[in-house]
Amino acid sequence: MDSSIPTGLPPRALEELQELNNEFSDGYLTEKGYIKKKKAILSKYEPNAQIFTEHSTPETSSRTHSHNRAYSETSGLTRISTVSSKPGLSRQESTPPSTTTELQKPLDPRVINSEITNVGSFDTLATILRHRSSTYQREIALVIVDSKGKESVTVTWEKLYLKAEKVAQQIRDKSGLYKNDRVCLIYQNVEVVDFTIALFGCFLAGVVAVPITLDLKLSEIVQIMNQTQSHLCLTSKQVAEYLDKKVNATSKIKWPKGLEFWKTTDFGTYHPQKKQDPPILQVPDLAYIEYVKSPDGELRGVAISHKTIMQQMNSLTKILSSNPNYNGKSFKRSDLSFTRNKNVMLNILDARKSVGLIVGTLLNVFSGNLMIWTPSSLLDVAGLYANIITRFGVTVLLNDYLSLKQVVYNY
């Protein structure tokens, strides 16, 4: 393929061709796209110019143009293609771009916008939560609303961090686990606060969380534990009793050898000593592993790193901050200084996995806003969804199309 720039063109054409070569060398264009765009530029400034690839020569191009001319004349069209009298480019002059393209690694986050940068001064969500607990101590971080529209659980930023730090302290001191070891998290969908505390307890302790939902079969839960080589499972009192009944009801399934179950609801709160620095964070590369089912029903683990999470949070913040109603203000509140303005997000998705986890639980801590979680069964009551939006002054809705469809039916 010929990547040289012909001489005798206007300065504007030379600039466009040079930019085109740079895009091709950086890997943003395929060979076919490069040839097509170069042909368009040359035809704009020099209509009779031709481009020859490795599979074409001036002779073959001449035969093609002759055929086009014959077709044009027989069909009665007034426009006739002609062959340029200028000599074509030789194949000897065809050289590949001087610079090589470095391919990105599969699991590294993609920078889709050069303007998206790390809008904060911290590189992990655990550090952000630690600073929010001191900046927004008594401000409510998370509210759970039941299916009847009543507030069942509320937690402040300070309480959320201290409970997570207590979980991290127990893991560091009593579990015998090392950095980067796997810890399973099994909670009900309504136990959003307890799940968030356990998740950030894993982040603070330097272990990798493995969220597991109860909609999986017991054999699949054991399979995940074996694949991740987990020796510790964090759960609640209700879930622990439910799992014990399930295991006792069948003799074919047994928990992995050496697996311990801890009820984080019994841990209490972390009490730091006066004038004592917080524990040192030893953050591994991976943050958590989420298991999903493929179309054929096979369980597959998706590893998410802390670097990927921060890139996702920065990208989502940039997208949400583009709302014209924000008047140039960021969707994310400051980590170091108190700011009164905040957004309120209403989330009805599962906060333990997928979009509900990333855009709901994680983005809530990153942005410092208030998240209200409610089960999807609340939508069955006509007008209750709109009542919650008005009551809490919700600015961001996080739901799926089926939920919105139900809301429309209610009206």
Protein backbone atom coordinates (compact mmCIF):
# COMPACT_ATOMS: atom_id res chain seq x y z
CA MET A 1 0.00 0.00 0.00
CA ASP A 2 1.24 3.47 -0.91
CA SER A 3 1.41 5.93 1.98
CA SER A 4 3.49 8.64 0.32
CA ILE A 5 2.16 12.18 -0.16
CA PRO A 6 2.19 13.50 -3.75
CA THR A 7 3.90 16.82 -4.44
CA GLY A 8 2.34 19.88 -5.99
CA LEU A 9 -0.81 19.82 -3.85
CA PRO A 10 -2.25 22.82 -1.96
CA PRO A 11 -1.09 23.27 1.65
CA ARG A 12 -4.52 22.31 2.98
CA ALA A 13 -4.41 19.01 1.10
CA LEU A 14 -0.93 18.26 2.41
CA GLU A 15 -2.15 18.84 5.98
CA GLU A 16 -5.13 16.52 5.53
CA LEU A 17 -2.97 13.79 4.03
CA GLN A 18 -0.44 14.09 6.85
CA GLU A 19 -3.24 13.82 9.46
CA LEU A 20 -4.56 10.78 7.60
CA ASN A 21 -1.14 9.10 7.74
CA ASN A 22 -0.92 9.81 11.47
CA GLU A 23 -4.34 8.27 12.10
CA PHE A 24 -3.34 5.17 10.13
CA SER A 25 -0.02 4.81 11.94
CA ASP A 26 -1.79 5.15 15.32
CA GLY A 27 -4.12 2.31 14.43
CA TYR A 28 -7.36 4.27 14.12
CA LEU A 29 -7.85 3.31 10.46
CA THR A 30 -7.75 0.05 8.55
CA GLU A 31 -5.91 -0.24 5.24
CA LYS A 32 -9.22 -0.16 3.37
CA GLY A 33 -10.39 2.92 5.24
CA TYR A 34 -7.06 4.64 4.66
CA ILE A 35 -7.22 4.09 0.91
CA LYS A 36 -10.82 5.29 0.75
CA LYS A 37 -10.16 8.49 2.68
CA LYS A 38 -6.96 9.25 0.76
CA LYS A 39 -8.79 8.83 -2.50
CA ALA A 40 -11.49 11.23 -1.33
CA ILE A 41 -8.93 13.89 -0.35
CA LEU A 42 -7.04 13.63 -3.63
CA SER A 43 -10.22 13.74 -5.68
CA LYS A 44 -11.28 16.87 -3.84
CA TYR A 45 -8.10 18.80 -4.63
CA GLU A 46 -7.03 16.94 -7.79
CA PRO A 47 -10.03 15.23 -9.40
CA ASN A 48 -8.01 13.19 -11.93
CA ALA A 49 -5.56 11.72 -9.39
CA GLN A 50 -5.38 7.93 -8.94
CA ILE A 51 -4.32 5.71 -6.04
CA PHE A 52 -2.72 2.34 -6.59
CA THR A 53 -2.62 -0.36 -3.94
CA GLU A 54 -0.53 -3.48 -3.76
CA HIS A 55 -3.15 -5.32 -5.81
CA SER A 56 -3.46 -2.76 -8.58
CA THR A 57 -1.17 -1.28 -11.23
CA PRO A 58 -1.52 1.58 -13.71
CA GLU A 59 -2.36 -1.00 -16.42
CA THR A 60 -5.21 -2.61 -14.47
CA SER A 61 -6.48 0.82 -13.42
CA SER A 62 -6.46 1.96 -17.05
CA ARG A 63 -8.53 -1.06 -18.09
CA THR A 64 -10.99 -0.32 -15.29
CA HIS A 65 -11.41 3.30 -16.32
CA SER A 66 -11.82 2.30 -19.95
CA HIS A 67 -14.60 -0.05 -18.94
CA ASN A 68 -16.25 2.71 -16.90
CA ARG A 69 -16.09 5.05 -19.89
CA ALA A 70 -17.64 2.48 -22.20
CA TYR A 71 -20.44 1.87 -19.72
CA SER A 72 -21.05 5.57 -19.31
CA GLU A 73 -21.27 6.14 -23.03
CA THR A 74 -23.70 3.26 -23.66
CA SER A 75 -25.92 4.20 -20.76
CA GLY A 76 -26.32 7.77 -21.92
CA LEU A 77 -24.82 9.40 -18.85
CA THR A 78 -23.25 12.80 -19.33
CA ARG A 79 -20.48 12.24 -16.76
CA ILE A 80 -17.53 10.28 -18.18
CA SER A 81 -14.55 9.04 -16.17
CA THR A 82 -11.18 9.75 -17.74
CA VAL A 83 -7.71 8.49 -17.03
CA SER A 84 -5.26 11.01 -15.70
CA SER A 85 -2.41 11.87 -18.01
CA LYS A 86 -0.07 12.20 -15.06
CA PRO A 87 2.14 9.21 -14.35
CA GLY A 88 0.89 6.94 -11.60
CA LEU A 89 2.74 6.06 -8.39
CA SER A 90 5.10 3.12 -8.71
CA ARG A 91 4.94 0.13 -6.42
CA GLN A 92 8.58 0.65 -5.45
CA GLU A 93 7.58 3.90 -3.74
CA SER A 94 4.99 2.09 -1.61
CA THR A 95 6.33 1.80 1.95
CA PRO A 96 4.56 1.01 5.23
CA PRO A 97 4.19 3.73 7.88
CA SER A 98 7.41 4.48 9.69
CA THR A 99 5.87 4.07 13.16
CA THR A 100 4.40 0.82 14.49
CA THR A 101 1.07 0.63 16.32
CA GLU A 102 1.19 -0.63 19.90
CA LEU A 103 -1.87 -2.73 20.65
CA GLN A 104 -3.75 -2.19 23.92
CA LYS A 105 -3.97 -5.01 26.43
CA PRO A 106 -7.38 -6.72 26.59
CA LEU A 107 -8.17 -5.99 30.26
CA ASP A 108 -6.83 -2.43 30.43
CA PRO A 109 -9.44 0.38 30.47
CA ARG A 110 -9.93 2.32 27.24
CA VAL A 111 -9.62 6.09 27.16
CA ILE A 112 -12.51 7.08 24.89
CA ASN A 113 -12.02 10.79 25.46
CA SER A 114 -8.69 12.51 25.99
CA GLU A 115 -10.42 15.09 28.19
CA ILE A 116 -11.43 12.42 30.73
CA THR A 117 -8.82 12.48 33.45
CA ASN A 118 -8.75 11.43 37.06
CA VAL A 119 -11.00 14.13 38.47
CA GLY A 120 -9.96 13.28 42.03
CA SER A 121 -6.70 13.06 43.90
CA PHE A 122 -7.13 9.39 44.91
CA ASP A 123 -6.66 6.23 42.90
CA THR A 124 -8.98 3.81 44.77
CA LEU A 125 -12.56 3.90 46.02
CA ALA A 126 -11.42 2.74 49.47
CA THR A 127 -9.36 5.91 49.90
CA ILE A 128 -12.25 8.06 48.68
CA LEU A 129 -14.63 6.45 51.20
CA ARG A 130 -12.13 7.05 54.00
CA HIS A 131 -11.95 10.77 53.20
CA ARG A 132 -15.69 11.14 52.70
CA SER A 133 -16.25 9.78 56.20
CA SER A 134 -14.37 12.77 57.61
CA THR A 135 -15.61 15.39 55.12
CA TYR A 136 -19.30 14.41 55.16
CA GLN A 137 -19.47 12.68 58.54
CA ARG A 138 -23.14 12.94 59.49
CA GLU A 139 -24.54 13.26 56.00
CA ILE A 140 -26.66 10.34 54.82
CA ALA A 141 -25.00 8.26 52.11
CA LEU A 142 -27.54 5.51 51.48
CA VAL A 143 -31.26 5.05 52.11
CA ILE A 144 -33.21 1.80 51.71
CA VAL A 145 -36.93 2.17 50.95
CA ASP A 146 -39.11 -0.93 51.21
CA SER A 147 -41.85 -1.99 48.81
CA LYS A 148 -44.39 0.06 50.79
CA GLY A 149 -42.44 3.30 50.37
CA LYS A 150 -41.11 3.48 53.96
CA GLU A 151 -37.48 4.09 54.91
CA SER A 152 -36.16 0.87 56.43
CA VAL A 153 -32.41 1.54 56.68
CA THR A 154 -30.27 4.70 56.50
CA VAL A 155 -26.52 5.01 56.92
CA THR A 156 -24.21 8.02 57.08
CA TRP A 157 -20.81 8.31 55.42
CA GLU A 158 -19.00 8.01 58.76
CA LYS A 159 -20.96 4.92 59.83
CA LEU A 160 -20.53 3.31 56.42
CA TYR A 161 -16.75 3.70 56.58
CA LEU A 162 -16.36 2.65 60.24
CA LYS A 163 -18.36 -0.53 59.68
CA ALA A 164 -16.36 -1.32 56.51
CA GLU A 165 -13.11 -0.67 58.40
CA LYS A 166 -14.26 -3.07 61.12
CA VAL A 167 -14.80 -5.80 58.50
CA ALA A 168 -11.34 -5.06 57.09
CA GLN A 169 -9.81 -5.24 60.56
CA GLN A 170 -11.36 -8.66 61.18
CA ILE A 171 -10.07 -9.94 57.83
CA ARG A 172 -6.55 -8.65 58.46
CA ASP A 173 -6.28 -9.89 62.06
CA LYS A 174 -8.31 -13.10 62.25
CA SER A 175 -8.78 -14.64 58.82
CA GLY A 176 -5.17 -15.56 58.01
CA LEU A 177 -5.70 -14.39 54.42
CA TYR A 178 -3.06 -12.63 52.37
CA LYS A 179 -3.24 -9.79 49.91
CA ASN A 180 -5.12 -10.70 46.71
CA ASP A 181 -6.91 -13.70 48.31
CA ARG A 182 -10.57 -14.21 47.37
CA VAL A 183 -13.52 -13.59 49.70
CA CYS A 184 -17.11 -14.49 48.75
CA LEU A 185 -19.99 -12.09 49.52
CA ILE A 186 -23.50 -13.56 49.75
CA TYR A 187 -26.34 -11.21 50.68
CA GLN A 188 -30.00 -10.74 49.84
CA ASN A 189 -30.95 -8.11 47.28
CA VAL A 190 -32.53 -5.94 50.02
CA GLU A 191 -29.35 -6.03 52.16
CA VAL A 192 -27.69 -3.30 50.13
CA VAL A 193 -26.10 -1.56 53.12
CA ASP A 194 -24.61 -4.77 54.53
CA PHE A 195 -23.33 -5.75 51.08
CA THR A 196 -21.71 -2.32 50.55
CA ILE A 197 -20.03 -2.54 53.96
CA ALA A 198 -18.64 -6.01 53.18
CA LEU A 199 -17.50 -4.99 49.68
CA PHE A 200 -15.55 -1.97 50.89
CA GLY A 201 -14.27 -3.98 53.83
CA CYS A 202 -12.61 -6.24 51.25
CA PHE A 203 -11.22 -3.21 49.41
CA LEU A 204 -9.76 -1.80 52.66
CA ALA A 205 -8.30 -5.18 53.65
CA GLY A 206 -6.58 -5.71 50.28
CA VAL A 207 -8.50 -8.87 49.31
CA VAL A 208 -10.56 -9.57 46.19
CA ALA A 209 -14.33 -9.67 46.63
CA VAL A 210 -16.45 -12.28 44.83
CA PRO A 211 -20.14 -11.21 44.92
CA ILE A 212 -22.57 -14.14 44.67
CA THR A 213 -26.33 -13.80 44.31
CA LEU A 214 -28.86 -16.22 45.76
CA ASP A 215 -30.60 -16.76 42.43
CA LEU A 216 -27.85 -19.28 41.63
CA LYS A 217 -28.16 -22.95 42.44
CA LEU A 218 -26.33 -24.23 45.50
CA SER A 219 -24.09 -26.36 43.29
CA GLU A 220 -23.16 -23.26 41.26
CA ILE A 221 -22.31 -21.34 44.43
CA VAL A 222 -19.99 -24.14 45.51
CA GLN A 223 -18.48 -24.21 42.02
CA ILE A 224 -17.63 -20.50 42.24
CA MET A 225 -16.06 -20.99 45.67
CA ASN A 226 -13.90 -23.81 44.33
CA GLN A 227 -12.84 -21.93 41.22
CA THR A 228 -11.81 -18.83 43.18
CA GLN A 229 -10.24 -20.93 46.00
CA SER A 230 -12.12 -18.90 48.58
CA HIS A 231 -11.59 -19.74 52.27
CA LEU A 232 -13.85 -17.03 53.67
CA CYS A 233 -17.46 -16.05 52.99
CA LEU A 234 -19.03 -12.85 54.33
CA THR A 235 -22.78 -12.95 54.75
CA SER A 236 -25.67 -11.88 56.97
CA LYS A 237 -27.46 -13.82 59.70
CA GLN A 238 -30.54 -14.48 57.55
CA VAL A 239 -28.53 -15.73 54.59
CA ALA A 240 -26.34 -17.95 56.79
CA GLU A 241 -29.44 -19.66 58.22
CA TYR A 242 -30.91 -20.08 54.75
CA LEU A 243 -27.72 -21.68 53.39
CA ASP A 244 -27.47 -24.05 56.36
CA LYS A 245 -31.00 -25.30 55.68
CA LYS A 246 -30.23 -25.78 51.99
CA VAL A 247 -27.05 -27.77 52.69
CA ASN A 248 -28.66 -29.88 55.41
CA ALA A 249 -31.51 -30.73 53.06
CA THR A 250 -29.16 -32.44 50.62
CA SER A 251 -26.28 -34.80 51.28
CA LYS A 252 -24.70 -34.52 47.84
CA ILE A 253 -23.39 -30.96 48.21
CA LYS A 254 -20.78 -29.93 50.75
CA TRP A 255 -18.96 -26.67 51.32
CA PRO A 256 -15.31 -26.48 50.21
CA LYS A 257 -12.83 -27.72 52.78
CA GLY A 258 -11.63 -24.98 55.14
CA LEU A 259 -14.35 -22.48 54.19
CA GLU A 260 -15.50 -20.16 57.01
CA PHE A 261 -18.71 -18.15 57.18
CA TRP A 262 -18.65 -14.77 58.92
CA LYS A 263 -21.77 -12.77 59.73
CA THR A 264 -20.78 -9.15 59.20
CA THR A 265 -23.98 -7.98 60.90
CA ASP A 266 -22.41 -9.04 64.23
CA PHE A 267 -19.10 -7.18 63.81
CA GLY A 268 -20.13 -3.77 65.11
CA THR A 269 -18.21 -0.56 64.41
CA TYR A 270 -14.52 0.25 64.20
CA HIS A 271 -13.30 2.53 67.02
CA PRO A 272 -10.00 4.23 66.11
CA GLN A 273 -7.75 5.39 68.90
CA LYS A 274 -7.11 9.06 69.37
CA LYS A 275 -4.31 10.57 67.28
CA GLN A 276 -3.87 7.26 65.48
CA ASP A 277 -3.40 7.13 61.74
CA PRO A 278 -5.80 4.88 59.81
CA PRO A 279 -4.50 1.45 58.74
CA ILE A 280 -2.24 1.41 55.70
CA LEU A 281 -3.99 0.40 52.50
CA GLN A 282 -2.43 -2.45 50.53
CA VAL A 283 -4.60 -2.49 47.43
CA PRO A 284 -4.12 -5.38 44.96
CA ASP A 285 -4.63 -5.05 41.23
CA LEU A 286 -8.02 -6.78 41.22
CA ALA A 287 -11.03 -5.31 43.01
CA TYR A 288 -13.69 -7.97 42.53
CA ILE A 289 -14.68 -10.92 40.34
CA GLU A 290 -18.24 -11.01 39.04
CA TYR A 291 -19.66 -14.28 37.77
CA VAL A 292 -22.17 -14.20 34.93
CA LYS A 293 -23.85 -16.88 32.85
CA SER A 294 -23.11 -17.28 29.16
CA PRO A 295 -25.96 -17.94 26.67
CA ASP A 296 -25.38 -21.67 27.07
CA GLY A 297 -25.66 -21.45 30.87
CA GLU A 298 -21.95 -21.72 31.66
CA LEU A 299 -20.59 -19.69 34.60
CA ARG A 300 -17.81 -17.29 33.68
CA GLY A 301 -15.87 -14.97 35.95
CA VAL A 302 -15.17 -11.37 34.94
CA ALA A 303 -12.21 -9.83 36.79
CA ILE A 304 -12.48 -6.08 37.44
CA SER A 305 -9.39 -4.15 38.54
CA HIS A 306 -9.27 -1.00 40.65
CA LYS A 307 -7.80 0.85 37.69
CA THR A 308 -10.75 -0.14 35.52
CA ILE A 309 -13.23 0.95 38.20
CA MET A 310 -11.67 4.40 38.48
CA GLN A 311 -11.70 4.79 34.70
CA GLN A 312 -15.38 3.81 34.63
CA MET A 313 -16.19 6.27 37.41
CA ASN A 314 -14.38 9.13 35.67
CA SER A 315 -16.13 8.38 32.39
CA LEU A 316 -19.58 8.20 34.00
CA THR A 317 -18.91 11.43 35.89
CA LYS A 318 -17.94 13.15 32.65
CA ILE A 319 -21.11 11.91 30.95
CA LEU A 320 -23.45 12.91 33.77
CA SER A 321 -21.74 16.28 34.22
CA SER A 322 -22.59 17.16 30.62
CA ASN A 323 -26.20 17.73 31.71
CA PRO A 324 -26.96 21.38 30.84
CA ASN A 325 -28.92 21.77 34.09
CA TYR A 326 -25.67 21.45 36.06
CA ASN A 327 -24.36 24.75 34.62
CA GLY A 328 -20.83 23.43 34.26
CA LYS A 329 -20.71 21.86 37.75
CA SER A 330 -19.38 18.34 38.19
CA PHE A 331 -21.63 15.44 39.12
CA LYS A 332 -18.95 14.43 41.62
CA ARG A 333 -18.62 16.24 44.93
CA SER A 334 -15.25 17.15 46.35
CA ASP A 335 -13.39 14.53 48.40
CA LEU A 336 -11.50 16.97 50.59
CA SER A 337 -13.79 19.98 51.15
CA PHE A 338 -17.47 20.03 52.03
CA THR A 339 -19.85 21.02 49.24
CA ARG A 340 -23.56 21.43 49.92
CA ASN A 341 -24.89 20.74 46.42
CA LYS A 342 -25.57 17.07 45.78
CA ASN A 343 -27.55 14.81 43.49
CA VAL A 344 -30.01 12.11 44.51
CA MET A 345 -30.05 8.81 42.62
CA LEU A 346 -32.98 6.39 42.77
CA ASN A 347 -31.84 2.86 42.00
CA ILE A 348 -34.18 -0.12 41.55
CA LEU A 349 -31.59 -2.43 39.96
CA ASP A 350 -29.73 -5.16 41.82
CA ALA A 351 -26.97 -3.30 43.68
CA ARG A 352 -24.83 -6.47 43.95
CA LYS A 353 -24.01 -7.00 40.28
CA SER A 354 -23.67 -5.56 36.79
CA VAL A 355 -25.02 -2.05 36.15
CA GLY A 356 -26.63 -1.77 39.57
CA LEU A 357 -23.25 -2.35 41.20
CA ILE A 358 -21.17 -0.11 38.96
CA VAL A 359 -23.52 2.83 38.32
CA GLY A 360 -25.29 2.45 41.66
CA THR A 361 -23.12 1.28 44.56
CA LEU A 362 -19.65 2.20 43.29
CA LEU A 363 -20.58 5.48 41.61
CA ASN A 364 -22.43 6.55 44.76
CA VAL A 365 -19.25 6.35 46.82
CA PHE A 366 -17.13 7.89 44.07
CA SER A 367 -19.45 10.86 43.50
CA GLY A 368 -20.44 11.43 47.13
CA ASN A 369 -24.13 11.81 46.32
CA LEU A 370 -27.16 10.25 48.00
CA MET A 371 -28.43 6.91 46.67
CA ILE A 372 -31.91 5.63 47.42
CA TRP A 373 -32.41 1.94 46.73
CA THR A 374 -35.82 0.31 46.48
CA PRO A 375 -36.96 -3.11 45.22
CA SER A 376 -38.59 -3.34 41.81
CA SER A 377 -41.78 -4.65 43.45
CA LEU A 378 -42.45 -1.07 44.53
CA LEU A 379 -43.49 -0.30 40.95
CA ASP A 380 -46.53 -2.54 41.32
CA VAL A 381 -48.16 0.17 43.47
CA ALA A 382 -49.45 2.89 41.16
CA GLY A 383 -48.08 6.34 41.97
CA LEU A 384 -45.60 5.19 44.64
CA TYR A 385 -42.59 5.50 42.33
CA ALA A 386 -43.51 9.10 41.48
CA ASN A 387 -44.12 9.81 45.18
CA ILE A 388 -40.58 8.74 46.09
CA ILE A 389 -39.11 10.85 43.29
CA THR A 390 -40.95 13.92 44.59
CA ARG A 391 -40.34 13.21 48.27
CA PHE A 392 -36.56 12.84 48.01
CA GLY A 393 -36.00 15.29 45.13
CA VAL A 394 -34.49 12.62 42.88
CA THR A 395 -32.31 13.93 40.03
CA VAL A 396 -31.04 10.64 38.51
CA LEU A 397 -33.08 7.48 37.86
CA LEU A 398 -31.39 4.11 37.46
CA ASN A 399 -33.77 1.45 36.15
CA ASP A 400 -34.46 -0.79 33.17
CA TYR A 401 -36.99 -0.59 30.35
CA LEU A 402 -39.34 -3.13 31.91
CA SER A 403 -39.61 -0.98 35.02
CA LEU A 404 -40.35 2.14 33.00
CA LYS A 405 -42.94 0.16 31.06
CA GLN A 406 -44.69 -0.71 34.32
CA VAL A 407 -44.67 2.95 35.37
CA VAL A 408 -46.31 3.92 32.08
CA TYR A 409 -48.97 1.25 32.56
CA ASN A 410 -49.72 2.61 36.02
CA TYR A 411 -50.58 5.97 34.49
